[in-house]
Every structure is written in structure tokens, then in C-alpha cells.
N, C-alpha and C. Protein backbone atom coordinates (compact mmCIF):
# COMPACT_ATOMS: atom_id res chain seq x y z
N MET A 1 0.91 -1.23 -0.08
CA MET A 1 -0.24 0.32 -0.07
C MET A 1 0.87 1.27 0.17
N ARG A 2 0.59 1.94 -0.64
CA ARG A 2 1.37 3.56 -1.20
C ARG A 2 0.92 4.67 -0.27
N SER A 3 2.24 4.86 0.32
CA SER A 3 1.21 5.96 1.51
C SER A 3 1.28 7.36 0.66
N SER A 4 0.03 8.25 0.95
CA SER A 4 -0.47 8.98 0.89
C SER A 4 0.59 10.66 1.23
N ILE A 5 1.08 10.49 1.83
CA ILE A 5 1.85 11.93 2.81
C ILE A 5 3.36 12.01 1.64
N VAL A 6 2.67 13.20 1.20
CA VAL A 6 3.48 14.25 0.38
C VAL A 6 4.66 14.71 1.15
N PRO A 7 5.73 14.56 1.00
CA PRO A 7 7.05 14.84 1.76
C PRO A 7 7.25 16.22 1.41
N TYR A 8 7.48 16.80 2.56
CA TYR A 8 7.60 18.28 2.78
C TYR A 8 9.29 18.95 1.95
N ARG A 9 8.74 19.85 1.40
CA ARG A 9 9.71 20.48 0.68
C ARG A 9 10.22 21.95 1.52
N ARG A 10 11.42 22.04 1.51
CA ARG A 10 11.65 23.51 2.15
C ARG A 10 11.42 24.91 1.15
N ASP A 11 11.82 24.66 -0.12
CA ASP A 11 11.77 25.49 -0.66
C ASP A 11 10.01 26.04 -1.45
N ALA A 12 9.22 25.46 -1.13
CA ALA A 12 7.80 25.15 -1.49
C ALA A 12 7.06 26.48 -0.97
N PHE A 13 7.51 27.20 0.19
CA PHE A 13 7.66 28.65 0.93
C PHE A 13 8.03 29.42 1.17
N ALA A 14 8.94 29.39 0.34
CA ALA A 14 10.20 30.56 0.49
C ALA A 14 9.97 31.58 0.17
N SER A 15 9.06 31.92 -0.97
CA SER A 15 8.70 33.10 -1.57
C SER A 15 7.62 33.74 -0.93
N SER A 16 7.20 32.82 -0.07
CA SER A 16 5.56 33.45 0.54
C SER A 16 6.05 33.64 2.23
N GLN A 17 7.64 33.77 2.38
CA GLN A 17 7.82 34.18 4.32
C GLN A 17 7.93 35.63 4.07
N VAL A 18 7.27 36.09 5.42
CA VAL A 18 7.35 37.39 5.85
C VAL A 18 8.37 37.80 6.68
N VAL A 19 9.42 38.60 6.39
CA VAL A 19 10.40 39.26 7.33
C VAL A 19 10.13 40.39 8.07
N VAL A 20 9.71 39.93 9.48
CA VAL A 20 9.56 41.06 10.21
C VAL A 20 11.11 41.52 10.81
N HIS A 21 11.44 42.86 10.82
CA HIS A 21 12.49 43.71 11.09
C HIS A 21 11.69 44.35 12.73
N ARG A 22 12.29 43.79 13.92
CA ARG A 22 12.12 44.32 15.39
C ARG A 22 12.51 45.78 15.36
N GLY A 23 11.50 46.42 16.06
CA GLY A 23 11.75 48.13 16.27
C GLY A 23 11.37 48.65 15.06
N THR A 24 10.65 47.87 13.62
CA THR A 24 10.16 49.62 13.18
C THR A 24 8.66 48.91 12.77
N GLY A 25 8.00 48.29 13.65
CA GLY A 25 6.87 48.10 13.28
C GLY A 25 5.91 49.54 13.78
N CYS A 26 5.85 50.63 14.77
CA CYS A 26 5.34 51.17 14.69
C CYS A 26 6.16 52.41 14.54
N ARG A 27 6.89 52.78 13.63
CA ARG A 27 7.94 54.07 13.19
C ARG A 27 7.26 54.79 12.09
N GLY A 28 5.86 54.55 12.09
CA GLY A 28 5.33 55.38 10.50
C GLY A 28 3.96 55.85 11.01
N SER A 29 3.67 55.84 12.42
CA SER A 29 2.81 56.82 13.10
C SER A 29 3.19 57.25 14.18
N ARG A 30 4.53 57.34 14.36
CA ARG A 30 4.83 58.14 15.20
C ARG A 30 4.53 59.74 15.02
N GLY A 31 3.98 60.45 15.88
CA GLY A 31 3.09 61.75 15.90
C GLY A 31 4.45 63.22 15.97
N PHE A 32 3.96 64.34 16.48
CA PHE A 32 5.15 64.97 16.52
C PHE A 32 5.52 65.50 18.05
N THR A 33 6.56 65.89 17.82
CA THR A 33 7.07 65.97 19.13
C THR A 33 6.99 67.51 19.84
N LEU A 34 6.67 67.97 20.82
CA LEU A 34 6.67 68.98 21.57
C LEU A 34 7.53 70.00 20.56
N VAL A 35 9.09 69.92 20.58
CA VAL A 35 9.91 70.62 19.83
C VAL A 35 9.20 71.17 18.21
N GLU A 36 9.00 70.11 17.97
CA GLU A 36 8.44 70.31 16.36
C GLU A 36 7.51 70.98 16.48
N LEU A 37 6.80 71.25 17.52
CA LEU A 37 5.29 71.68 17.31
C LEU A 37 5.51 73.07 17.73
N MET A 38 6.28 73.50 18.35
CA MET A 38 6.54 74.77 18.88
C MET A 38 7.50 75.32 17.89
N VAL A 39 8.49 74.87 16.76
CA VAL A 39 8.78 75.58 15.87
C VAL A 39 7.75 75.75 14.92
N THR A 40 7.47 74.94 14.88
CA THR A 40 6.01 74.93 13.77
C THR A 40 5.57 76.47 14.07
N VAL A 41 5.06 76.65 15.09
CA VAL A 41 4.23 77.76 16.01
C VAL A 41 4.67 78.90 15.22
N PHE A 42 6.33 79.03 15.78
CA PHE A 42 7.03 79.71 16.13
C PHE A 42 7.56 80.59 14.42
N VAL A 43 7.35 79.65 13.62
CA VAL A 43 7.69 80.12 11.87
C VAL A 43 6.49 80.74 11.74
N ALA A 44 5.30 80.36 11.95
CA ALA A 44 3.96 80.89 11.38
C ALA A 44 3.86 82.27 11.99
N ALA A 45 4.00 82.54 13.48
CA ALA A 45 3.56 83.65 13.84
C ALA A 45 4.81 84.60 13.02
N ILE A 46 5.96 84.48 12.84
CA ILE A 46 7.09 85.33 12.04
C ILE A 46 6.12 85.84 11.12
N LEU A 47 6.04 84.46 9.88
CA LEU A 47 5.04 85.08 8.64
C LEU A 47 4.28 86.06 8.65
N VAL A 48 3.36 85.54 9.85
CA VAL A 48 2.08 86.25 10.08
C VAL A 48 2.21 87.95 10.05
N VAL A 49 3.66 87.75 11.03
CA VAL A 49 3.89 89.09 11.19
C VAL A 49 4.04 89.98 10.18
N ILE A 50 5.08 89.13 9.16
CA ILE A 50 5.80 89.59 8.19
C ILE A 50 4.40 89.93 7.12
N ALA A 51 3.67 89.36 7.19
CA ALA A 51 2.30 88.98 5.98
C ALA A 51 1.59 90.16 6.39
N VAL A 52 1.20 90.49 7.79
CA VAL A 52 0.00 91.49 7.88
C VAL A 52 -0.04 93.10 7.14
N PRO A 53 1.13 93.82 7.61
CA PRO A 53 1.01 95.01 6.97
C PRO A 53 1.20 94.82 5.38
N SER A 54 1.25 93.97 4.50
CA SER A 54 1.95 93.71 3.35
C SER A 54 -0.24 93.94 3.03
N PHE A 55 -0.55 93.27 3.91
CA PHE A 55 -2.34 92.87 3.63
C PHE A 55 -2.93 94.36 3.76
N ARG A 56 -2.48 94.82 4.97
CA ARG A 56 -3.30 96.00 4.83
C ARG A 56 -2.68 97.09 3.81
N SER A 57 -1.68 97.08 3.30
CA SER A 57 -1.17 98.14 2.14
C SER A 57 -1.91 97.37 1.04
N ILE A 58 -2.76 96.24 0.61
CA ILE A 58 -2.82 95.75 -0.69
C ILE A 58 -4.39 96.02 -0.47
N ILE A 59 -5.00 96.31 0.83
CA ILE A 59 -7.12 96.33 1.00
C ILE A 59 -6.86 97.56 0.95
N ALA A 60 -6.15 98.61 1.58
CA ALA A 60 -6.07 99.92 1.79
C ALA A 60 -5.63 100.69 0.25
N SER A 61 -4.95 99.88 -0.50
CA SER A 61 -4.76 100.54 -1.83
C SER A 61 -6.20 100.02 -3.04
N SER A 62 -6.46 98.77 -2.80
CA SER A 62 -7.64 98.65 -3.66
C SER A 62 -8.81 99.48 -3.07
N GLN A 63 -9.71 99.41 -1.32
CA GLN A 63 -10.61 100.78 -1.24
C GLN A 63 -10.08 102.07 -1.96
N LEU A 64 -8.76 102.52 -2.02
CA LEU A 64 -8.52 104.14 -2.66
C LEU A 64 -8.72 103.87 -3.93
N ARG A 65 -8.39 103.26 -4.69
CA ARG A 65 -8.75 103.06 -6.18
C ARG A 65 -10.21 102.50 -6.55
N SER A 66 -11.08 101.91 -5.98
CA SER A 66 -12.21 102.19 -5.91
C SER A 66 -13.21 103.16 -5.70
N ALA A 67 -12.64 103.68 -4.78
CA ALA A 67 -13.00 105.28 -4.77
C ALA A 67 -13.18 106.19 -5.45
N ALA A 68 -11.71 106.09 -5.84
CA ALA A 68 -11.10 107.15 -6.97
C ALA A 68 -11.65 106.74 -8.49
N ASP A 69 -11.98 105.71 -8.52
CA ASP A 69 -12.59 105.18 -9.57
C ASP A 69 -14.05 105.67 -9.80
N ASP A 70 -14.87 105.66 -8.53
CA ASP A 70 -15.95 106.32 -8.34
C ASP A 70 -16.44 107.89 -8.50
N VAL A 71 -15.21 108.49 -8.22
CA VAL A 71 -15.41 109.57 -8.64
C VAL A 71 -15.14 110.02 -10.11
N TYR A 72 -14.27 109.47 -10.75
CA TYR A 72 -13.89 109.29 -11.73
C TYR A 72 -15.00 109.09 -12.60
N SER A 73 -15.95 108.02 -12.15
CA SER A 73 -16.88 108.03 -12.99
C SER A 73 -18.46 109.05 -13.08
N ALA A 74 -18.49 109.66 -11.83
CA ALA A 74 -19.47 110.51 -11.28
C ALA A 74 -19.22 111.90 -12.77
N VAL A 75 -17.83 112.03 -12.28
CA VAL A 75 -17.14 113.36 -12.95
C VAL A 75 -17.78 112.71 -15.07
N ASN A 76 -17.52 111.75 -15.53
CA ASN A 76 -17.94 111.33 -16.89
C ASN A 76 -19.20 111.55 -17.24
N THR A 77 -20.41 111.01 -15.99
CA THR A 77 -21.43 111.15 -16.48
C THR A 77 -21.85 112.13 -15.92
N ALA A 78 -21.48 113.25 -15.41
CA ALA A 78 -22.38 114.60 -15.60
C ALA A 78 -21.75 114.89 -16.93
N ARG A 79 -20.34 114.80 -17.43
CA ARG A 79 -19.83 115.13 -18.86
C ARG A 79 -21.40 114.59 -19.85
N ILE A 80 -21.68 113.46 -19.97
CA ILE A 80 -22.37 112.80 -20.45
C ILE A 80 -23.75 113.40 -20.71
N GLU A 81 -24.41 113.53 -19.21
CA GLU A 81 -25.72 114.07 -18.97
C GLU A 81 -25.74 115.38 -19.70
N ALA A 82 -25.03 116.80 -19.45
CA ALA A 82 -24.77 117.83 -19.72
C ALA A 82 -24.79 117.27 -21.59
N ILE A 83 -24.41 116.77 -21.85
CA ILE A 83 -24.11 116.73 -23.32
C ILE A 83 -25.73 116.03 -23.77
N LYS A 84 -26.43 115.35 -23.37
CA LYS A 84 -27.39 114.59 -23.45
C LYS A 84 -28.87 115.82 -23.30
N ARG A 85 -28.67 115.68 -22.40
CA ARG A 85 -29.57 116.91 -22.04
C ARG A 85 -29.96 118.50 -22.60
N ASN A 86 -28.06 118.65 -22.96
CA ASN A 86 -27.95 119.79 -23.78
C ASN A 86 -28.78 121.04 -22.45
N ALA A 87 -27.71 120.62 -21.38
CA ALA A 87 -28.16 121.50 -20.14
C ALA A 87 -26.79 121.91 -19.32
N THR A 88 -27.08 122.81 -18.74
CA THR A 88 -26.18 122.71 -17.48
C THR A 88 -26.18 121.60 -16.62
N ILE A 89 -25.02 120.73 -16.35
CA ILE A 89 -25.14 119.91 -14.97
C ILE A 89 -24.31 120.11 -13.88
N GLN A 90 -24.30 119.63 -12.72
CA GLN A 90 -23.71 120.14 -11.64
C GLN A 90 -23.08 118.84 -11.02
N LEU A 91 -22.10 118.52 -10.99
CA LEU A 91 -21.54 117.89 -9.78
C LEU A 91 -21.72 117.98 -8.75
N CYS A 92 -22.11 118.12 -7.25
CA CYS A 92 -22.40 118.28 -6.05
C CYS A 92 -20.91 118.32 -5.59
N GLY A 93 -20.12 119.30 -4.55
CA GLY A 93 -18.67 119.27 -3.96
C GLY A 93 -19.36 119.09 -2.85
N SER A 94 -18.52 119.15 -1.80
CA SER A 94 -18.38 119.34 -0.25
C SER A 94 -17.05 119.99 0.05
N PRO A 95 -17.45 121.08 1.25
CA PRO A 95 -19.26 121.15 1.68
C PRO A 95 -19.85 121.96 0.95
N GLN A 96 -21.22 122.14 1.45
CA GLN A 96 -22.10 122.32 0.46
C GLN A 96 -22.12 123.60 0.52
N SER A 97 -21.29 124.96 0.77
CA SER A 97 -21.26 126.60 1.00
C SER A 97 -20.53 126.31 -0.78
N THR A 98 -20.28 125.42 -1.29
CA THR A 98 -18.94 125.37 -2.26
C THR A 98 -20.13 124.84 -3.54
N ASN A 99 -21.08 125.18 -3.29
CA ASN A 99 -22.13 124.44 -4.80
C ASN A 99 -22.93 125.89 -5.01
N GLY A 100 -22.50 127.26 -5.11
CA GLY A 100 -23.42 128.23 -5.13
C GLY A 100 -24.07 128.46 -4.36
N THR A 101 -24.98 129.59 -5.17
CA THR A 101 -26.76 129.32 -5.22
C THR A 101 -27.60 129.32 -6.47
N GLY A 102 -28.75 129.00 -6.60
CA GLY A 102 -29.82 128.94 -7.52
C GLY A 102 -30.31 127.76 -7.37
N THR A 103 -30.95 127.39 -8.23
CA THR A 103 -31.54 126.11 -8.64
C THR A 103 -30.76 124.74 -8.40
N LEU A 104 -29.36 124.67 -9.26
CA LEU A 104 -28.68 123.49 -9.09
C LEU A 104 -28.10 123.21 -7.38
N ALA A 105 -27.95 124.45 -6.62
CA ALA A 105 -27.01 124.46 -5.87
C ALA A 105 -28.12 123.93 -4.29
N THR A 106 -29.51 124.18 -4.75
CA THR A 106 -30.53 124.06 -4.07
C THR A 106 -31.22 122.51 -3.95
N ASN A 107 -30.75 122.14 -5.31
CA ASN A 107 -30.62 120.30 -5.74
C ASN A 107 -29.91 119.91 -4.66
N CYS A 108 -28.31 120.34 -5.10
CA CYS A 108 -27.65 119.33 -3.85
C CYS A 108 -27.33 119.60 -2.70
N ALA A 109 -28.38 120.91 -2.27
CA ALA A 109 -28.11 120.94 -0.66
C ALA A 109 -29.10 119.58 0.03
N THR A 110 -29.69 118.59 -0.72
CA THR A 110 -29.86 117.64 -0.16
C THR A 110 -29.29 116.02 -0.73
N GLN A 111 -28.37 116.37 -1.49
CA GLN A 111 -27.86 114.92 -1.67
C GLN A 111 -26.02 115.48 -0.95
N THR A 112 -25.69 113.80 -0.71
CA THR A 112 -24.06 114.33 -0.62
C THR A 112 -23.33 114.60 -1.98
N ALA A 113 -21.80 114.65 -1.35
CA ALA A 113 -21.13 115.01 -2.60
C ALA A 113 -20.89 113.54 -3.34
N GLY A 114 -20.65 114.39 -4.50
CA GLY A 114 -20.19 113.35 -5.94
C GLY A 114 -22.12 113.39 -6.61
N ALA A 115 -23.13 113.85 -5.99
CA ALA A 115 -24.01 113.82 -6.61
C ALA A 115 -24.46 114.42 -7.84
N ILE A 116 -25.05 114.34 -8.85
CA ILE A 116 -25.42 115.05 -10.08
C ILE A 116 -26.82 115.25 -10.28
N VAL A 117 -26.89 116.90 -10.52
CA VAL A 117 -28.24 117.34 -10.81
C VAL A 117 -28.32 118.52 -11.38
N SER A 118 -29.71 118.34 -12.01
CA SER A 118 -30.39 119.27 -13.10
C SER A 118 -30.82 120.40 -12.64
N SER A 119 -30.59 121.37 -13.44
CA SER A 119 -31.47 122.51 -12.93
C SER A 119 -33.05 122.42 -13.71
N THR A 120 -33.34 121.21 -14.42
CA THR A 120 -34.54 120.89 -15.02
C THR A 120 -35.08 119.56 -15.29
N GLY A 121 -36.85 119.19 -15.37
CA GLY A 121 -36.54 117.62 -15.23
C GLY A 121 -36.42 117.18 -14.07
N VAL A 122 -35.95 115.85 -13.80
CA VAL A 122 -36.07 115.14 -12.76
C VAL A 122 -35.25 115.73 -11.05
N GLY A 123 -33.98 116.70 -11.59
CA GLY A 123 -33.43 117.66 -10.42
C GLY A 123 -31.95 116.64 -10.03
N VAL A 124 -32.55 115.49 -9.18
CA VAL A 124 -31.44 114.81 -9.08
C VAL A 124 -30.86 113.68 -10.09
N ILE A 125 -30.23 113.41 -10.97
CA ILE A 125 -29.70 112.88 -11.76
C ILE A 125 -29.23 110.94 -11.32
N ARG A 126 -28.30 111.53 -10.03
CA ARG A 126 -27.23 110.27 -9.49
C ARG A 126 -27.36 111.14 -8.21
N SER A 127 -27.32 110.24 -7.17
CA SER A 127 -27.25 110.20 -5.90
C SER A 127 -25.62 109.95 -5.78
N GLY A 128 -25.35 110.76 -4.57
CA GLY A 128 -23.89 110.82 -4.07
C GLY A 128 -23.01 109.47 -3.85
N LEU A 129 -21.49 109.86 -3.66
CA LEU A 129 -20.97 108.69 -3.88
C LEU A 129 -20.87 108.12 -2.73
N PRO A 130 -20.84 106.48 -3.15
CA PRO A 130 -20.84 105.25 -2.21
C PRO A 130 -19.93 105.29 -1.27
N GLY A 131 -18.37 105.14 -2.10
CA GLY A 131 -17.13 104.72 -1.50
C GLY A 131 -16.21 105.47 -1.06
N ILE A 132 -16.48 106.61 -0.60
CA ILE A 132 -16.21 107.07 0.49
C ILE A 132 -16.49 107.34 1.66
N LYS A 133 -16.33 106.40 2.53
CA LYS A 133 -16.27 106.33 3.97
C LYS A 133 -15.52 105.93 4.99
N SER A 134 -15.21 106.07 6.41
CA SER A 134 -14.27 105.72 7.10
C SER A 134 -13.89 104.01 6.58
N PRO A 135 -12.21 103.85 6.58
CA PRO A 135 -11.17 104.73 6.93
C PRO A 135 -10.82 106.02 5.77
N LEU A 136 -11.18 105.70 4.82
CA LEU A 136 -11.25 106.70 3.67
C LEU A 136 -11.65 108.51 4.01
N GLN A 137 -11.30 109.03 3.38
CA GLN A 137 -11.82 110.51 3.72
C GLN A 137 -11.24 111.60 2.15
N LEU A 138 -11.70 112.63 2.43
CA LEU A 138 -12.00 113.27 1.02
C LEU A 138 -11.31 114.97 1.79
N LYS A 139 -9.68 114.78 1.02
CA LYS A 139 -8.63 116.11 2.04
C LYS A 139 -9.20 117.13 1.20
N GLY A 140 -9.95 118.24 1.81
CA GLY A 140 -9.88 119.29 0.96
C GLY A 140 -11.59 119.33 0.75
N GLY A 141 -12.13 118.23 0.57
CA GLY A 141 -13.90 118.32 0.06
C GLY A 141 -13.45 117.70 -1.53
N LEU A 142 -14.41 117.91 -2.01
CA LEU A 142 -14.73 117.77 -3.52
C LEU A 142 -14.91 118.78 -4.00
N THR A 143 -14.61 118.89 -4.83
CA THR A 143 -14.76 120.29 -5.92
C THR A 143 -16.40 120.45 -7.05
N ALA A 144 -16.52 121.19 -6.53
CA ALA A 144 -18.45 121.61 -6.89
C ALA A 144 -17.96 121.98 -8.98
N LEU A 145 -18.44 121.30 -9.69
CA LEU A 145 -18.28 121.62 -11.15
C LEU A 145 -19.61 121.61 -11.72
N GLN A 146 -19.53 122.47 -12.81
CA GLN A 146 -20.89 122.49 -13.51
C GLN A 146 -20.43 122.24 -14.65
N PHE A 147 -21.12 121.40 -15.64
CA PHE A 147 -20.93 121.11 -16.78
C PHE A 147 -21.80 122.03 -17.90
N ASP A 148 -21.48 122.62 -19.14
CA ASP A 148 -21.99 123.16 -20.36
C ASP A 148 -22.45 122.14 -21.12
N SER A 149 -23.58 122.70 -21.81
CA SER A 149 -24.00 121.16 -23.04
C SER A 149 -23.05 121.26 -23.45
N SER A 150 -21.70 121.34 -23.80
CA SER A 150 -20.79 120.78 -24.60
C SER A 150 -19.90 119.87 -23.80
N GLY A 151 -20.20 119.96 -22.29
CA GLY A 151 -19.64 118.63 -21.74
C GLY A 151 -18.56 119.33 -20.90
N ILE A 152 -18.25 120.61 -21.35
CA ILE A 152 -16.99 121.31 -20.43
C ILE A 152 -17.08 121.42 -19.01
N ALA A 153 -16.05 121.53 -18.27
CA ALA A 153 -16.47 121.70 -17.05
C ALA A 153 -16.28 122.76 -16.75
N HIS A 154 -16.53 123.62 -15.92
CA HIS A 154 -16.40 125.21 -15.10
C HIS A 154 -16.28 125.12 -13.35
N ALA A 155 -15.55 125.61 -12.92
CA ALA A 155 -15.69 125.80 -11.03
C ALA A 155 -17.28 126.67 -11.49
N ILE A 156 -17.28 127.03 -10.52
CA ILE A 156 -18.64 127.75 -10.10
C ILE A 156 -18.54 128.56 -10.31
N GLY A 157 -19.50 129.65 -10.79
CA GLY A 157 -19.26 131.12 -10.89
C GLY A 157 -17.82 131.78 -11.91
N SER A 158 -17.50 130.55 -12.87
CA SER A 158 -16.38 130.77 -13.80
C SER A 158 -16.98 130.23 -15.16
N THR A 159 -16.81 130.62 -15.91
CA THR A 159 -16.56 130.76 -17.70
C THR A 159 -15.66 129.76 -18.02
N ALA A 160 -14.31 129.59 -16.98
CA ALA A 160 -13.43 129.76 -17.57
C ALA A 160 -13.01 127.76 -18.32
N ASN A 161 -12.70 127.25 -18.74
CA ASN A 161 -12.45 125.31 -18.46
C ASN A 161 -11.84 125.52 -17.05
N TYR A 162 -12.16 124.50 -16.40
CA TYR A 162 -11.59 123.76 -15.05
C TYR A 162 -10.48 122.94 -15.56
N SER A 163 -9.05 123.19 -14.57
CA SER A 163 -8.46 122.61 -14.65
C SER A 163 -7.88 121.89 -13.77
N GLY A 164 -7.53 120.88 -12.81
CA GLY A 164 -7.23 121.02 -11.47
C GLY A 164 -7.69 119.94 -10.66
N THR A 165 -7.26 119.81 -9.05
CA THR A 165 -7.91 118.70 -8.92
C THR A 165 -9.49 118.43 -8.19
N ILE A 166 -10.14 117.27 -8.51
CA ILE A 166 -11.47 117.46 -8.56
C ILE A 166 -11.80 116.72 -7.10
N ALA A 167 -10.81 115.89 -6.47
CA ALA A 167 -11.01 115.14 -4.95
C ALA A 167 -9.07 114.43 -4.92
N ASP A 168 -9.84 114.74 -3.65
CA ASP A 168 -7.98 114.38 -3.11
C ASP A 168 -8.15 113.02 -1.79
N ILE A 169 -8.78 111.37 -2.45
CA ILE A 169 -9.13 110.73 -1.47
C ILE A 169 -7.41 110.15 -0.98
N CYS A 170 -7.94 110.03 0.17
CA CYS A 170 -6.74 109.57 1.11
C CYS A 170 -7.27 108.44 2.94
N THR A 171 -6.48 108.02 2.85
CA THR A 171 -6.66 107.06 4.20
C THR A 171 -5.75 107.12 5.26
N SER A 172 -5.67 106.84 6.19
CA SER A 172 -4.48 106.93 7.15
C SER A 172 -4.18 105.76 8.14
N ALA A 173 -5.11 104.51 7.30
CA ALA A 173 -4.63 103.29 7.35
C ALA A 173 -3.38 102.72 7.03
N VAL A 174 -2.61 103.42 6.49
CA VAL A 174 -1.26 103.18 5.55
C VAL A 174 -0.76 104.30 5.51
N SER A 175 0.40 104.57 5.65
CA SER A 175 1.72 105.95 5.82
C SER A 175 1.74 106.22 4.24
N THR A 176 2.20 105.03 3.29
CA THR A 176 2.55 105.63 2.19
C THR A 176 1.60 105.04 1.21
N ASN A 177 1.69 105.93 -0.27
CA ASN A 177 0.76 105.33 -1.05
C ASN A 177 -0.38 105.49 -1.00
N ASN A 178 -1.00 106.29 -0.03
CA ASN A 178 -2.32 106.45 0.83
C ASN A 178 -3.16 107.90 0.20
N HIS A 179 -2.86 107.94 -0.92
CA HIS A 179 -3.57 109.40 -1.86
C HIS A 179 -3.95 108.66 -3.18
N ARG A 180 -5.46 108.92 -3.41
CA ARG A 180 -5.28 109.08 -4.85
C ARG A 180 -6.23 110.37 -5.57
N LEU A 181 -5.60 110.81 -6.44
CA LEU A 181 -6.17 112.13 -7.40
C LEU A 181 -6.82 112.13 -8.31
N VAL A 182 -8.03 112.29 -8.34
CA VAL A 182 -8.75 112.66 -9.28
C VAL A 182 -9.07 113.85 -9.89
N GLN A 183 -8.02 114.07 -11.31
CA GLN A 183 -7.79 115.58 -11.96
C GLN A 183 -8.77 115.47 -13.08
N ILE A 184 -8.83 116.72 -13.56
CA ILE A 184 -9.69 117.22 -15.12
C ILE A 184 -8.26 118.12 -15.26
N ALA A 185 -8.03 117.87 -17.09
CA ALA A 185 -7.98 119.12 -17.57
C ALA A 185 -8.03 119.39 -18.66
N ALA A 186 -8.11 120.96 -18.90
CA ALA A 186 -9.61 121.61 -20.03
C ALA A 186 -10.61 121.08 -20.09
N GLY A 187 -11.01 121.25 -18.65
CA GLY A 187 -12.62 120.68 -18.42
C GLY A 187 -13.09 119.49 -19.01
N SER A 188 -12.07 118.66 -19.52
CA SER A 188 -12.96 117.34 -20.10
C SER A 188 -11.98 116.26 -19.92
N ILE A 189 -10.61 116.40 -19.59
CA ILE A 189 -9.92 115.45 -19.80
C ILE A 189 -9.51 114.74 -18.01
N VAL A 190 -10.53 113.91 -17.89
CA VAL A 190 -9.97 113.50 -16.49
C VAL A 190 -9.59 112.28 -16.41
N THR A 191 -8.17 112.59 -15.48
CA THR A 191 -7.72 111.39 -14.96
C THR A 191 -7.23 111.19 -13.08
N VAL A 192 -6.96 109.43 -13.01
CA VAL A 192 -6.59 109.35 -11.63
C VAL A 192 -4.96 109.03 -11.70
N ALA A 193 -4.21 110.13 -10.56
CA ALA A 193 -2.88 109.89 -10.71
C ALA A 193 -2.34 109.03 -9.80
N ASP A 194 -1.40 108.96 -10.55
CA ASP A 194 -0.45 107.76 -9.45
C ASP A 194 -0.37 108.11 -7.90
N PRO A 195 -0.48 107.06 -7.23
CA PRO A 195 -0.28 106.78 -5.99
C PRO A 195 0.45 107.91 -5.17
N SER A 196 0.43 109.00 -3.91
CA SER A 196 1.44 109.18 -3.40
C SER A 196 1.20 109.23 -2.04
N SER A 197 1.75 110.03 -1.10
CA SER A 197 2.30 109.52 -0.16
C SER A 197 2.01 111.08 0.86
N GLY A 198 1.31 111.02 2.57
CA GLY A 198 0.94 112.24 3.07
C GLY A 198 0.16 111.94 3.73
N ALA A 199 -0.20 113.25 5.05
CA ALA A 199 -1.04 112.87 6.06
C ALA A 199 -2.18 112.88 5.48
N CYS A 200 -2.87 112.59 6.00
CA CYS A 200 -4.63 112.29 5.56
C CYS A 200 -5.94 112.48 7.02
N PRO A 201 -6.42 113.74 7.10
CA PRO A 201 -6.21 114.49 6.76
C PRO A 201 -5.16 115.84 6.08
């Protein structure tokens, strides 16, 4: 009678053997030490201290640019409305005493700086500027201008084409590049000057 026992072969299981090295089983799940955590927190704190002034400057610059764009838009809207309506249109200034007298001044009296008014029709064409609020300020106020039917700007009570600053928008949140000037030349060319620095107000 033949035996059914298969003889054991040493090399039959050689490829499936598992090798375990002592001392390495838990190394992959090791956590941070207190020293490593403190170094990470220290580096993060330094980065925050360096980055915060830059963020403040970026935010202030964005606010100033947006407010300057609002004034720029208001001036051009007043010019367009004067041409379109074939009438004198006023950009209301601040303080109120700079708006002169008459119907245009009366219509400005109920509005904030930057409003656009007419002496005929609806009276108030566009309300005042929304973007100039704390921490932004108008240094010296907003220049009141009247636009004739050709779209040319004149100072209140003058017939000469106006050239000069309409608004100096500034902030005390930062000390450099904290001013934006909206200017007009020859009564019709509106520009926003490069950033400048100075006290505010």
C-alpha cells in the first residue's frame, strides 16, 4: 500500500515568507514632538507678522482705487448728461457752501458729495458717492463743477475751462501711497494720478 503523505519541501514556501524587522513596526505612525510643534508655531507667527502689513497695504490700495474710480465715473457721467440733455449739469461738491446759489445749489443741498443734479427735469440724476467712507476721507472736500451743454467743466461762477484736482481721496490706515488724486484738464480730460504719500487729512 502506497503512502499518500507528500514529503515536505523546504523551498515550497520560500517565496511567501514574511520578514519582520524588530523595532520598526510603529515608526510610521509616530506623532510630532513638542519641540517640532513649537518650531512650527514660531515660524507661522513670524510669517503672520511679516504678511499683515502687506495685506493692510493691499486692502487700503484697493479701497482707494475703488473710491477714485467712483469719482472718475461721476465726473464722466456728469459730462455725458450735460451733452445728452443739452443743459447745465452740476457735480455737487463738499462742503455744501461750495455749490453756489440757484436751483442747482438747491438740488445739491439735499444730496451728498458727488451727486449729479440738473436745474430742469428730474432734478437729481444720480445720488452721491457710496465709496468714500471711513477709513477713507476727502482731503479738502470735493470740488463742485458745472458742465455746460458741450460737456466742458467750469468752477462754480466761472466761465473758464476748469483744470485741477477734483478730489484727493486718502486714508490714514497706511502711511505710504495713501492718496489718490482725481484731476481734470482743459475742462474735459479726467485722470486718476499715480499714488502719492502724505498726511490724511
